[in-house]
Amino acid sequence: MPAYRFRKSHLAATAALAIALLAGLFATQAGAAAYKARFCAEGPPAQGGDKGPFARSGNETVFELSEACGNFNGLRISHRTGEAGAEGVFGRWLAERPEGVTVTGISYRAQGERSAGYFPQVIGTQPGGAVGIINGDQELDGAFKDFNVSGDVRRFGIQLICQTGGGGCAASPPGQPEAGLKSVDYSLDDPSAPSVAVTGGTLFEGAAQLGKQTIRFDAGDAGSGVRRVIAVVNGEDAASAGAGCNSGGGVAFGFTPCPAAFSELLSVDTAAAPWRVGRNSVKVCAEDFAGTRQCTGASRVLALNGCATNAAAAETMELEWPGKRGVVQSRQGRARSAIARVLGAGRAPVAGGSVCFSRAIPGADNGAERVLEGAALTDAAGHAKVKVRGQSNRWVRATYFADPETVITERIQLKVSPAIRLELRSNKRVEVGDRIRVVAMLRGKWQDGRKVCFFASRPGRDKFACDTTGKGGRARAGFRAKKSGPVRFYAKVPNQRDYPYVRGRSDTKRLRVKG
């Protein structure tokens, strides 16, 4: 869906939103996230049978360096028969971790056969930065064995080296000097969080949205790389775009298996869960291979699926209750009509357009709405209306999808007072000193646990009691007649937290107290 162009009344809010989104690069999180990388494993390449970052070096006249990571041999260095080795000459397979990640440990399998001054060795970075033997007293002698080393070993590998302390090594030593390495599992830490910024798309560019929309983003990560970018809607992952990582089974096949930078257009469907009709909280998050997630701040997106679009252009819309703009008050159970007027250039009425009416859902503080009428047609004067039942306080919204680039939306409020039925329970003849039972009854889904106060005018007191409704919405109070004459009773329900009504008053009930 093309980007929205919308009314001037929305420009300030949208400009602030754009600044927040485009500045969506957040500070690095503290701590580090761990992940695994596997190189030169036995099995097919899809299971990690690749040599990964290991590079050959040294004298390949004296030594043969071969790669068979998918089978038993692994990375192999062997002496070439007939080639004499000078003191210190070596053949080497060596890997070096990049900047942005650290090594916490390496487990591996190695084997070797030494002969006549040719020594197989596991090598790596030593204190001070030089490369030297790191497997200590565990000599490579015979078949493959399991080893491990801990710490940030920046460079790691194997070598076959001539070391006699004198005149070099023989051209044809007895046996077959060699070194082998395979099944190398790195434990790595990615100390940095990814970053993400929204740079475009249609989702954040209109006053209201429906159907499929897009988010354009730029993401980056200096460590293990960007694994994916996710649209998080109302706290749940709603859509994602994968960056294409060199991994399998949760294990990386490279130190940085995912791209360091990832930019793409992410598609989101506002008609699918966890999207809801009404306001939605949307974040855009980048996740690196180590599992660290970093998100932009939350933005509000109004989704109105179920509404019709229009071919007729419009510029403005007015929304009102008959005879009055803005807030009006009604009584529970009564219906009011909300009227929208759609105007085009020069305030000319737009006839035959479709107005979408929706309303807030009482008690839903998450911004959910319900479509009342998705395509109310405007008449020759540009008017469209919808009947709204006064079940409780509510906001009513009218939205006009004028064309693919223009969305106009307005809201008005309906305040509703609760319906209170009052009953008097007493003897047919009430005399001074008799007790009268006064009962107030509320209705609707919010009737329980509500405060009700009772009043009696002359010759009694004014407010004489308050009670809380029980299950079924009843509140009760007793009144003792102290003087003869007429008494008028009524009940009031004050404003209350989580009660979607304004204060209300019952009708008056009258009785006469005999002397």
Protein backbone atom coordinates (compact mmCIF):
# COMPACT_ATOMS: atom_id res chain seq x y z
CA MET A 1 0.00 0.00 0.00
CA PRO A 2 1.55 3.39 -0.96
CA ALA A 3 2.66 5.81 1.71
CA TYR A 4 -0.07 7.91 3.29
CA ARG A 5 -0.42 11.67 2.95
CA PHE A 6 -2.72 12.94 5.65
CA ARG A 7 -4.34 15.94 7.18
CA LYS A 8 -2.51 18.92 8.61
CA SER A 9 -3.91 18.20 12.09
CA HIS A 10 -1.80 15.05 12.21
CA LEU A 11 1.47 16.52 10.94
CA ALA A 12 2.95 17.60 14.30
CA ALA A 13 2.36 14.23 15.95
CA THR A 14 3.70 12.40 12.92
CA ALA A 15 6.81 14.55 12.75
CA ALA A 16 7.60 13.66 16.37
CA LEU A 17 6.98 9.98 15.59
CA ALA A 18 9.31 10.10 12.59
CA ILE A 19 12.08 11.68 14.67
CA ALA A 20 11.70 8.98 17.32
CA LEU A 21 11.73 6.18 14.76
CA LEU A 22 14.63 7.49 12.72
CA ALA A 23 16.60 7.94 15.94
CA GLY A 24 15.91 4.33 16.86
CA LEU A 25 19.55 3.44 17.52
CA PHE A 26 19.73 2.48 21.17
CA ALA A 27 22.59 2.13 23.62
CA THR A 28 24.44 -1.16 23.86
CA GLN A 29 23.11 -3.48 26.53
CA ALA A 30 25.40 -4.39 29.41
CA GLY A 31 26.89 -7.86 29.60
CA ALA A 32 27.53 -10.41 26.85
CA ALA A 33 25.46 -13.06 25.13
CA ALA A 34 26.91 -16.50 24.47
CA TYR A 35 26.72 -18.57 21.30
CA LYS A 36 28.46 -21.57 19.73
CA ALA A 37 30.41 -21.89 16.50
CA ARG A 38 31.41 -25.25 15.00
CA PHE A 39 34.11 -25.94 12.42
CA CYS A 40 35.47 -29.00 10.67
CA ALA A 41 32.91 -31.46 11.98
CA GLU A 42 32.42 -34.95 10.63
CA GLY A 43 29.34 -35.36 8.47
CA PRO A 44 27.87 -33.55 5.48
CA PRO A 45 28.67 -29.86 5.03
CA ALA A 46 25.12 -28.90 6.05
CA GLN A 47 25.96 -30.24 9.52
CA GLY A 48 29.05 -28.08 9.79
CA GLY A 49 31.63 -30.09 7.87
CA ASP A 50 33.35 -26.91 6.69
CA LYS A 51 36.83 -25.77 7.63
CA GLY A 52 35.40 -22.36 8.49
CA PRO A 53 38.03 -19.72 9.33
CA PHE A 54 41.03 -22.09 9.36
CA ALA A 55 43.67 -20.98 6.83
CA ARG A 56 46.80 -22.86 5.74
CA SER A 57 50.25 -21.36 6.06
CA GLY A 58 53.91 -22.41 6.24
CA ASN A 59 56.21 -24.37 3.94
CA GLU A 60 54.11 -26.47 1.62
CA THR A 61 57.18 -27.92 -0.07
CA VAL A 62 58.13 -29.78 3.10
CA PHE A 63 54.55 -30.29 4.34
CA GLU A 64 51.31 -31.26 2.69
CA LEU A 65 48.23 -29.49 4.08
CA SER A 66 44.93 -31.17 3.24
CA GLU A 67 41.29 -30.56 4.16
CA ALA A 68 38.77 -33.39 4.69
CA CYS A 69 36.50 -31.86 7.29
CA GLY A 70 33.46 -33.93 6.33
CA ASN A 71 35.17 -37.24 7.16
CA PHE A 72 37.57 -38.83 9.60
CA ASN A 73 40.76 -36.98 8.55
CA GLY A 74 39.71 -33.39 9.28
CA LEU A 75 42.40 -30.72 8.80
CA ARG A 76 45.67 -32.58 8.22
CA ILE A 77 49.34 -31.66 8.00
CA SER A 78 51.79 -34.39 6.90
CA HIS A 79 55.46 -34.48 5.98
CA ARG A 80 56.27 -34.93 2.29
CA THR A 81 58.59 -37.90 1.96
CA GLY A 82 61.93 -36.90 0.47
CA GLU A 83 61.80 -33.29 1.63
CA ALA A 84 64.20 -32.30 4.38
CA GLY A 85 62.98 -29.78 6.93
CA ALA A 86 65.16 -26.96 8.20
CA GLU A 87 65.10 -26.03 11.88
CA GLY A 88 61.86 -24.19 12.69
CA VAL A 89 60.11 -24.89 9.40
CA PHE A 90 56.39 -25.66 9.83
CA GLY A 91 53.07 -26.31 8.16
CA ARG A 92 50.07 -24.80 9.93
CA TRP A 93 46.27 -24.59 9.99
CA LEU A 94 45.29 -21.49 12.00
CA ALA A 95 42.05 -19.58 12.71
CA GLU A 96 41.82 -16.04 14.12
CA ARG A 97 38.71 -14.64 15.75
CA PRO A 98 37.62 -11.20 14.53
CA GLU A 99 37.11 -8.04 16.55
CA GLY A 100 33.65 -7.71 18.11
CA VAL A 101 33.50 -11.15 19.75
CA THR A 102 35.52 -12.93 22.42
CA VAL A 103 36.37 -16.59 22.95
CA THR A 104 35.54 -18.20 26.30
CA GLY A 105 36.66 -21.72 25.41
CA ILE A 106 37.36 -24.23 22.65
CA SER A 107 36.75 -27.97 22.62
CA TYR A 108 38.34 -30.01 19.83
CA ARG A 109 39.72 -33.36 18.71
CA ALA A 110 43.36 -33.64 17.70
CA GLN A 111 45.82 -36.36 16.77
CA GLY A 112 49.46 -36.58 15.79
CA GLU A 113 52.51 -38.70 15.14
CA ARG A 114 55.99 -37.41 15.84
CA SER A 115 59.24 -38.71 14.37
CA ALA A 116 62.85 -37.64 14.05
CA GLY A 117 62.32 -34.04 15.18
CA TYR A 118 58.95 -33.47 13.51
CA PHE A 119 56.43 -32.52 16.24
CA PRO A 120 52.61 -32.22 15.95
CA GLN A 121 51.35 -29.41 18.19
CA VAL A 122 48.15 -27.57 19.12
CA ILE A 123 48.96 -23.88 19.00
CA GLY A 124 47.25 -20.65 19.97
CA THR A 125 47.70 -17.17 21.34
CA GLN A 126 49.74 -17.11 24.52
CA PRO A 127 50.07 -14.30 27.10
CA GLY A 128 51.88 -11.50 25.33
CA GLY A 129 50.22 -12.25 21.98
CA ALA A 130 52.69 -14.73 20.47
CA VAL A 131 51.53 -18.05 18.99
CA GLY A 132 52.78 -21.11 20.85
CA ILE A 133 51.85 -24.52 22.23
CA ILE A 134 48.65 -24.28 24.30
CA ASN A 135 47.70 -27.87 25.07
CA GLY A 136 50.32 -28.07 27.79
CA ASP A 137 51.44 -31.53 28.77
CA GLN A 138 48.75 -33.18 26.67
CA GLU A 139 50.90 -34.34 23.76
CA LEU A 140 49.54 -35.27 20.36
CA ASP A 141 50.57 -38.87 20.07
CA GLY A 142 48.40 -41.37 18.33
CA ALA A 143 44.71 -41.37 17.39
CA PHE A 144 42.25 -38.49 17.76
CA LYS A 145 41.57 -37.50 21.38
CA ASP A 146 39.32 -34.91 23.01
CA PHE A 147 40.90 -31.69 24.32
CA ASN A 148 39.73 -28.29 25.48
CA VAL A 149 41.20 -24.93 26.29
CA SER A 150 39.64 -21.97 28.10
CA GLY A 151 40.01 -18.22 27.82
CA ASP A 152 40.05 -15.76 24.95
CA VAL A 153 42.26 -17.70 22.55
CA ARG A 154 42.46 -15.21 19.71
CA ARG A 155 44.35 -17.50 17.32
CA PHE A 156 44.05 -21.27 17.41
CA GLY A 157 45.09 -24.26 15.30
CA ILE A 158 47.63 -27.05 14.75
CA GLN A 159 51.05 -27.32 13.22
CA LEU A 160 53.71 -29.85 12.29
CA ILE A 161 57.12 -28.32 12.97
CA CYS A 162 60.77 -29.34 12.71
CA GLN A 163 62.48 -28.80 16.07
CA THR A 164 65.83 -30.49 16.68
CA GLY A 165 67.76 -27.70 18.36
CA GLY A 166 70.36 -28.15 15.67
CA GLY A 167 70.66 -29.04 12.03
CA GLY A 168 67.17 -29.70 10.82
CA CYS A 169 65.06 -32.78 10.16
CA ALA A 170 65.53 -35.73 7.85
CA ALA A 171 64.00 -35.95 4.38
CA SER A 172 62.75 -39.49 5.01
CA PRO A 173 62.08 -39.98 8.73
CA PRO A 174 60.73 -43.28 9.98
CA GLY A 175 56.94 -43.52 10.24
CA GLN A 176 54.69 -40.73 8.97
CA PRO A 177 54.92 -37.45 10.93
CA GLU A 178 51.54 -35.70 10.88
CA ALA A 179 49.02 -33.59 12.83
CA GLY A 180 45.24 -33.58 12.57
CA LEU A 181 42.40 -31.38 13.91
CA LYS A 182 38.62 -31.68 13.69
CA SER A 183 35.30 -31.22 15.57
CA VAL A 184 36.27 -27.74 16.76
CA ASP A 185 33.56 -26.12 18.90
CA TYR A 186 34.07 -22.51 19.93
CA SER A 187 32.23 -20.95 22.90
CA LEU A 188 31.91 -17.27 22.06
CA ASP A 189 30.57 -14.09 23.63
CA ASP A 190 29.01 -11.24 21.70
CA PRO A 191 29.37 -8.22 24.03
CA SER A 192 27.40 -5.74 21.93
CA ALA A 193 23.69 -5.37 21.24
CA PRO A 194 22.40 -4.88 17.70
CA SER A 195 20.98 -1.57 16.53
CA VAL A 196 17.91 -0.81 14.43
CA ALA A 197 16.31 2.28 12.92
CA VAL A 198 13.10 2.65 10.94
CA THR A 199 13.81 4.52 7.71
CA GLY A 200 10.53 4.31 5.81
CA GLY A 201 7.69 2.09 4.67
CA THR A 202 3.94 2.73 4.95
CA LEU A 203 3.03 1.49 8.43
CA PHE A 204 3.92 4.65 10.38
CA GLU A 205 2.92 7.16 7.71
CA GLY A 206 -0.86 7.43 8.04
CA ALA A 207 -3.46 8.42 10.60
CA ALA A 208 -4.97 4.92 10.27
CA GLN A 209 -4.01 1.70 8.51
CA LEU A 210 -5.66 -1.41 7.18
CA GLY A 211 -4.46 -4.58 5.44
CA LYS A 212 -0.83 -5.20 4.51
CA GLN A 213 1.75 -2.51 5.24
CA THR A 214 5.54 -2.26 5.18
CA ILE A 215 8.41 -1.18 7.43
CA ARG A 216 11.77 -0.22 5.95
CA PHE A 217 14.68 -0.56 8.37
CA ASP A 218 18.45 -0.42 8.78
CA ALA A 219 19.94 -2.83 11.32
CA GLY A 220 23.50 -3.60 12.33
CA ASP A 221 25.55 -5.64 14.78
CA ALA A 222 29.29 -5.50 15.44
CA GLY A 223 29.51 -9.01 16.92
CA SER A 224 27.73 -12.15 15.74
CA GLY A 225 25.72 -10.20 13.14
CA VAL A 226 22.04 -9.44 12.59
CA ARG A 227 20.01 -12.63 12.61
CA ARG A 228 16.58 -11.08 11.96
CA VAL A 229 14.44 -7.98 12.38
CA ILE A 230 11.05 -8.38 14.05
CA ALA A 231 7.89 -6.28 14.23
CA VAL A 232 6.61 -6.66 17.80
CA VAL A 233 2.92 -5.79 18.08
CA ASN A 234 1.18 -5.52 21.45
CA GLY A 235 4.07 -7.40 23.05
CA GLU A 236 4.08 -10.32 20.59
CA ASP A 237 6.25 -11.08 17.57
CA ALA A 238 4.06 -10.36 14.55
CA ALA A 239 6.38 -10.52 11.53
CA SER A 240 10.08 -10.93 10.85
CA ALA A 241 12.68 -10.73 8.11
CA GLY A 242 15.64 -13.12 8.31
CA ALA A 243 19.07 -11.90 7.29
CA GLY A 244 20.32 -15.30 6.06
CA CYS A 245 22.89 -16.67 8.52
CA ASN A 246 25.52 -19.34 8.01
CA SER A 247 24.27 -21.69 10.73
CA GLY A 248 22.34 -24.85 11.45
CA GLY A 249 20.82 -26.50 14.51
CA GLY A 250 21.44 -23.37 16.59
CA VAL A 251 25.19 -23.50 15.92
CA ALA A 252 27.13 -20.98 13.85
CA PHE A 253 29.43 -22.06 11.03
CA GLY A 254 31.39 -18.83 11.28
CA PHE A 255 32.61 -16.43 13.96
CA THR A 256 30.21 -13.86 12.50
CA PRO A 257 27.57 -16.09 10.93
CA CYS A 258 25.11 -13.28 10.17
CA PRO A 259 25.60 -10.04 8.23
CA ALA A 260 26.96 -7.04 10.10
CA ALA A 261 24.44 -4.80 8.32
CA PHE A 262 20.92 -5.68 7.20
CA SER A 263 18.46 -3.39 5.40
CA GLU A 264 15.18 -4.56 3.93
CA LEU A 265 11.43 -3.98 3.63
CA LEU A 266 9.45 -5.93 6.24
CA SER A 267 5.84 -6.80 5.38
CA VAL A 268 3.21 -6.75 8.15
CA ASP A 269 -0.46 -7.72 7.98
CA THR A 270 -2.56 -5.53 10.27
CA ALA A 271 -5.54 -7.89 9.75
CA ALA A 272 -3.79 -10.82 11.46
CA ALA A 273 -3.19 -11.50 15.17
CA PRO A 274 -1.74 -10.06 17.35
CA TRP A 275 -3.01 -6.91 15.64
CA ARG A 276 -6.38 -5.68 16.89
CA VAL A 277 -8.89 -3.14 15.64
CA GLY A 278 -7.95 0.10 17.37
CA ARG A 279 -4.64 1.39 18.69
CA ASN A 280 -1.69 -1.00 18.64
CA SER A 281 1.71 -0.70 20.27
CA VAL A 282 4.44 -1.42 17.69
CA LYS A 283 8.17 -1.83 18.18
CA VAL A 284 10.80 -2.79 15.61
CA CYS A 285 13.53 -5.03 17.03
CA ALA A 286 16.85 -6.35 15.76
CA GLU A 287 18.15 -9.67 17.07
CA ASP A 288 21.72 -10.89 16.69
CA PHE A 289 22.82 -14.52 16.43
CA ALA A 290 23.65 -14.59 20.13
CA GLY A 291 19.99 -13.85 20.89
CA THR A 292 20.36 -10.27 22.11
CA ARG A 293 17.39 -8.16 21.05
CA GLN A 294 17.29 -4.37 20.82
CA CYS A 295 14.14 -2.43 19.96
CA THR A 296 12.97 1.01 18.98
CA GLY A 297 10.60 2.82 21.30
CA ALA A 298 6.91 1.90 21.08
CA SER A 299 4.77 3.68 18.50
CA ARG A 300 0.98 3.73 18.27
CA VAL A 301 -0.62 2.50 15.08
CA LEU A 302 -4.38 2.71 14.52
CA ALA A 303 -5.57 -0.36 12.57
CA LEU A 304 -9.13 -0.31 11.23
CA ASN A 305 -9.59 -3.52 9.30
CA GLY A 306 -13.17 -3.97 8.22
CA CYS A 307 -13.39 -0.44 6.82
CA ALA A 308 -14.03 0.39 3.17
CA THR A 309 -11.68 2.49 1.03
CA ASN A 310 -12.81 5.22 -1.35
CA ALA A 311 -12.17 6.48 -4.83
CA ALA A 312 -13.68 9.88 -4.01
CA ALA A 313 -11.10 12.32 -2.63
CA ALA A 314 -11.84 14.41 0.44
CA GLU A 315 -10.05 17.09 2.42
CA THR A 316 -11.89 17.42 5.73
CA MET A 317 -14.51 15.71 7.84
CA GLU A 318 -16.73 16.92 10.66
CA LEU A 319 -18.16 14.60 13.32
CA GLU A 320 -20.92 15.54 15.76
CA TRP A 321 -23.94 14.48 17.75
CA PRO A 322 -27.18 16.00 16.41
CA GLY A 323 -27.34 19.62 17.47
CA LYS A 324 -24.06 19.59 19.37
CA ARG A 325 -20.40 19.04 18.64
CA GLY A 326 -18.04 17.38 21.09
CA VAL A 327 -19.12 15.63 24.30
CA VAL A 328 -22.79 14.86 24.96
CA GLN A 329 -24.45 13.00 27.80
CA SER A 330 -27.04 10.27 27.55
CA ARG A 331 -28.76 7.71 29.76
CA GLN A 332 -27.90 4.03 29.86
CA GLY A 333 -29.98 2.16 27.28
CA ARG A 334 -30.67 5.15 25.06
CA ALA A 335 -29.22 5.39 21.55
CA ARG A 336 -27.72 8.48 19.92
CA SER A 337 -26.78 9.03 16.28
CA ALA A 338 -23.27 10.18 15.39
CA ILE A 339 -23.17 12.15 12.13
CA ALA A 340 -20.09 12.63 9.94
CA ARG A 341 -19.90 15.17 7.13
CA VAL A 342 -17.26 14.63 4.45
CA LEU A 343 -16.07 17.70 2.49
CA GLY A 344 -13.85 18.06 -0.53
CA ALA A 345 -12.17 21.02 -2.21
CA GLY A 346 -13.81 24.33 -1.33
CA ARG A 347 -15.84 22.51 1.35
CA ALA A 348 -17.99 20.90 -1.31
CA PRO A 349 -19.94 17.89 0.08
CA VAL A 350 -18.63 14.47 -0.99
CA ALA A 351 -21.58 12.23 -1.92
CA GLY A 352 -21.41 8.43 -2.21
CA GLY A 353 -18.32 8.08 -0.05
CA SER A 354 -17.87 5.36 2.59
CA VAL A 355 -17.33 6.43 6.18
CA CYS A 356 -16.09 3.86 8.71
CA PHE A 357 -17.54 4.24 12.21
CA SER A 358 -15.84 2.52 15.15
CA ARG A 359 -16.06 2.85 18.91
CA ALA A 360 -13.86 2.23 21.90
CA ILE A 361 -14.54 -0.87 23.97
CA PRO A 362 -15.39 0.08 27.59
CA GLY A 363 -12.94 -1.30 30.12
CA ALA A 364 -10.35 -2.09 27.42
CA ASP A 365 -7.46 0.18 28.36
CA ASN A 366 -5.35 -1.35 25.56
CA GLY A 367 -6.89 0.89 22.89
CA ALA A 368 -9.08 -1.77 21.29
CA GLU A 369 -12.02 -0.61 19.21
CA ARG A 370 -14.95 -2.23 17.43
CA VAL A 371 -16.12 -1.36 13.91
CA LEU A 372 -19.80 -0.35 14.08
CA GLU A 373 -20.26 0.31 10.38
CA GLY A 374 -17.45 -0.20 7.87
CA ALA A 375 -19.07 1.54 4.90
CA ALA A 376 -21.73 4.10 5.84
CA LEU A 377 -22.51 5.98 2.60
CA THR A 378 -22.62 9.77 2.49
CA ASP A 379 -25.72 11.45 1.05
CA ALA A 380 -25.89 14.42 -1.30
CA ALA A 381 -24.99 16.76 1.58
CA GLY A 382 -21.94 14.62 2.47
CA HIS A 383 -23.58 13.20 5.62
CA ALA A 384 -23.27 9.64 6.94
CA LYS A 385 -24.50 8.49 10.32
CA VAL A 386 -24.46 5.57 12.70
CA LYS A 387 -26.62 4.78 15.74
CA VAL A 388 -24.65 4.32 18.96
CA ARG A 389 -26.21 2.52 21.90
CA GLY A 390 -25.64 4.20 25.24
CA GLN A 391 -24.43 1.10 27.04
CA SER A 392 -21.62 2.99 28.76
CA ASN A 393 -19.19 5.87 28.23
CA ARG A 394 -17.45 5.56 24.89
CA TRP A 395 -15.49 7.32 22.19
CA VAL A 396 -16.88 7.12 18.68
CA ARG A 397 -14.54 7.47 15.69
CA ALA A 398 -15.30 8.26 12.07
CA THR A 399 -12.59 7.47 9.50
CA TYR A 400 -12.53 8.22 5.81
CA PHE A 401 -9.96 6.43 3.66
CA ALA A 402 -10.10 9.11 0.98
CA ASP A 403 -7.58 7.55 -1.40
CA PRO A 404 -4.36 5.52 -1.03
CA GLU A 405 -2.59 8.63 0.26
CA THR A 406 -5.18 10.37 2.44
CA VAL A 407 -6.76 9.19 5.68
CA ILE A 408 -9.01 11.47 7.75
CA THR A 409 -10.18 10.48 11.22
CA GLU A 410 -12.13 12.29 13.97
CA ARG A 411 -13.41 11.29 17.44
CA ILE A 412 -16.25 12.45 19.67
CA GLN A 413 -17.24 11.30 23.14
CA LEU A 414 -20.53 10.03 24.51
CA LYS A 415 -20.88 10.15 28.29
CA VAL A 416 -23.55 7.88 29.75
CA SER A 417 -25.15 7.95 33.20
CA PRO A 418 -26.24 4.61 34.68
CA ALA A 419 -29.87 3.60 34.83
CA ILE A 420 -30.86 3.20 38.51
CA ARG A 421 -34.13 1.57 39.45
CA LEU A 422 -35.36 2.45 42.93
CA GLU A 423 -37.82 0.48 45.05
CA LEU A 424 -39.39 1.23 48.47
CA ARG A 425 -40.33 -1.70 50.62
CA SER A 426 -42.61 -1.03 53.59
CA ASN A 427 -46.07 -1.59 55.03
CA LYS A 428 -48.97 -0.17 53.06
CA ARG A 429 -49.55 2.31 55.84
CA VAL A 430 -46.30 3.88 57.05
CA GLU A 431 -46.39 5.58 60.43
CA VAL A 432 -43.82 7.53 62.43
CA GLY A 433 -41.22 5.10 63.75
CA ASP A 434 -41.68 2.54 60.99
CA ARG A 435 -38.65 1.31 59.07
CA ILE A 436 -38.59 1.64 55.29
CA ARG A 437 -36.32 -0.53 53.12
CA VAL A 438 -34.88 1.36 50.13
CA VAL A 439 -33.37 -0.77 47.31
CA ALA A 440 -31.42 0.52 44.28
CA MET A 441 -30.70 -1.77 41.32
CA LEU A 442 -28.03 -1.24 38.66
CA ARG A 443 -27.78 -3.18 35.42
CA GLY A 444 -25.08 -3.94 32.87
CA LYS A 445 -21.83 -5.89 33.06
CA TRP A 446 -20.24 -3.44 35.58
CA GLN A 447 -23.07 -3.54 38.14
CA ASP A 448 -21.27 -5.39 40.95
CA GLY A 449 -19.19 -3.69 43.64
CA ARG A 450 -20.44 -0.15 42.97
CA LYS A 451 -21.08 2.57 45.52
CA VAL A 452 -24.67 3.84 45.77
CA CYS A 453 -25.83 6.60 48.13
CA PHE A 454 -29.41 7.09 49.30
CA PHE A 455 -31.22 10.38 49.94
CA ALA A 456 -34.52 11.38 51.59
CA SER A 457 -35.96 14.89 51.49
CA ARG A 458 -38.19 16.47 54.14
CA PRO A 459 -39.25 15.75 56.77
CA GLY A 460 -36.25 13.36 56.98
CA ARG A 461 -32.58 13.95 56.44
CA ASP A 462 -30.87 14.43 53.07
CA LYS A 463 -28.22 11.68 52.48
CA PHE A 464 -28.86 8.99 55.03
CA ALA A 465 -26.81 5.97 53.86
CA CYS A 466 -24.44 4.51 51.26
CA ASP A 467 -24.02 0.88 50.25
CA THR A 468 -22.04 -1.23 47.77
CA THR A 469 -23.85 -3.36 45.23
CA GLY A 470 -23.49 -7.09 45.48
CA LYS A 471 -23.80 -9.73 42.79
CA GLY A 472 -26.84 -8.77 40.78
CA GLY A 473 -26.28 -5.03 41.20
CA ARG A 474 -28.40 -4.42 44.34
CA ALA A 475 -27.64 -1.89 47.07
CA ARG A 476 -29.85 -1.53 50.16
CA ALA A 477 -30.43 0.94 52.98
CA GLY A 478 -32.90 1.34 55.85
CA PHE A 479 -34.72 4.56 56.71
CA ARG A 480 -36.74 5.17 59.90
CA ALA A 481 -39.53 7.74 59.64
CA LYS A 482 -39.31 10.30 62.46
CA LYS A 483 -41.93 12.81 61.37
CA SER A 484 -45.21 12.65 59.55
CA GLY A 485 -45.63 14.07 56.08
CA PRO A 486 -44.47 13.37 52.53
CA VAL A 487 -40.99 11.90 51.96
CA ARG A 488 -39.19 11.78 48.63
CA PHE A 489 -36.48 9.16 48.10
CA TYR A 490 -33.80 8.95 45.39
CA ALA A 491 -30.39 7.33 44.89
CA LYS A 492 -27.16 8.58 43.34
CA VAL A 493 -24.19 6.70 41.88
CA PRO A 494 -20.99 8.82 42.07
CA ASN A 495 -18.08 8.71 39.61
CA GLN A 496 -15.94 5.65 40.37
CA ARG A 497 -12.67 4.17 39.18
CA ASP A 498 -13.08 1.54 36.43
CA TYR A 499 -16.80 2.29 36.19
CA PRO A 500 -17.52 3.41 32.59
CA TYR A 501 -20.35 5.79 33.52
CA VAL A 502 -20.60 9.33 34.74
CA ARG A 503 -22.49 9.94 37.98
CA GLY A 504 -26.20 9.23 37.81
CA ARG A 505 -29.44 9.76 39.73
CA SER A 506 -32.54 7.61 39.99
CA ASP A 507 -36.10 8.75 39.58
CA THR A 508 -37.81 9.95 42.77
CA LYS A 509 -40.10 7.71 44.78
CA ARG A 510 -42.63 9.27 47.16
CA LEU A 511 -44.60 8.08 50.15
CA ARG A 512 -46.53 9.72 53.03
CA VAL A 513 -45.78 9.03 56.68
CA LYS A 514 -48.82 9.09 58.95
CA GLY A 515 -48.71 10.72 62.36
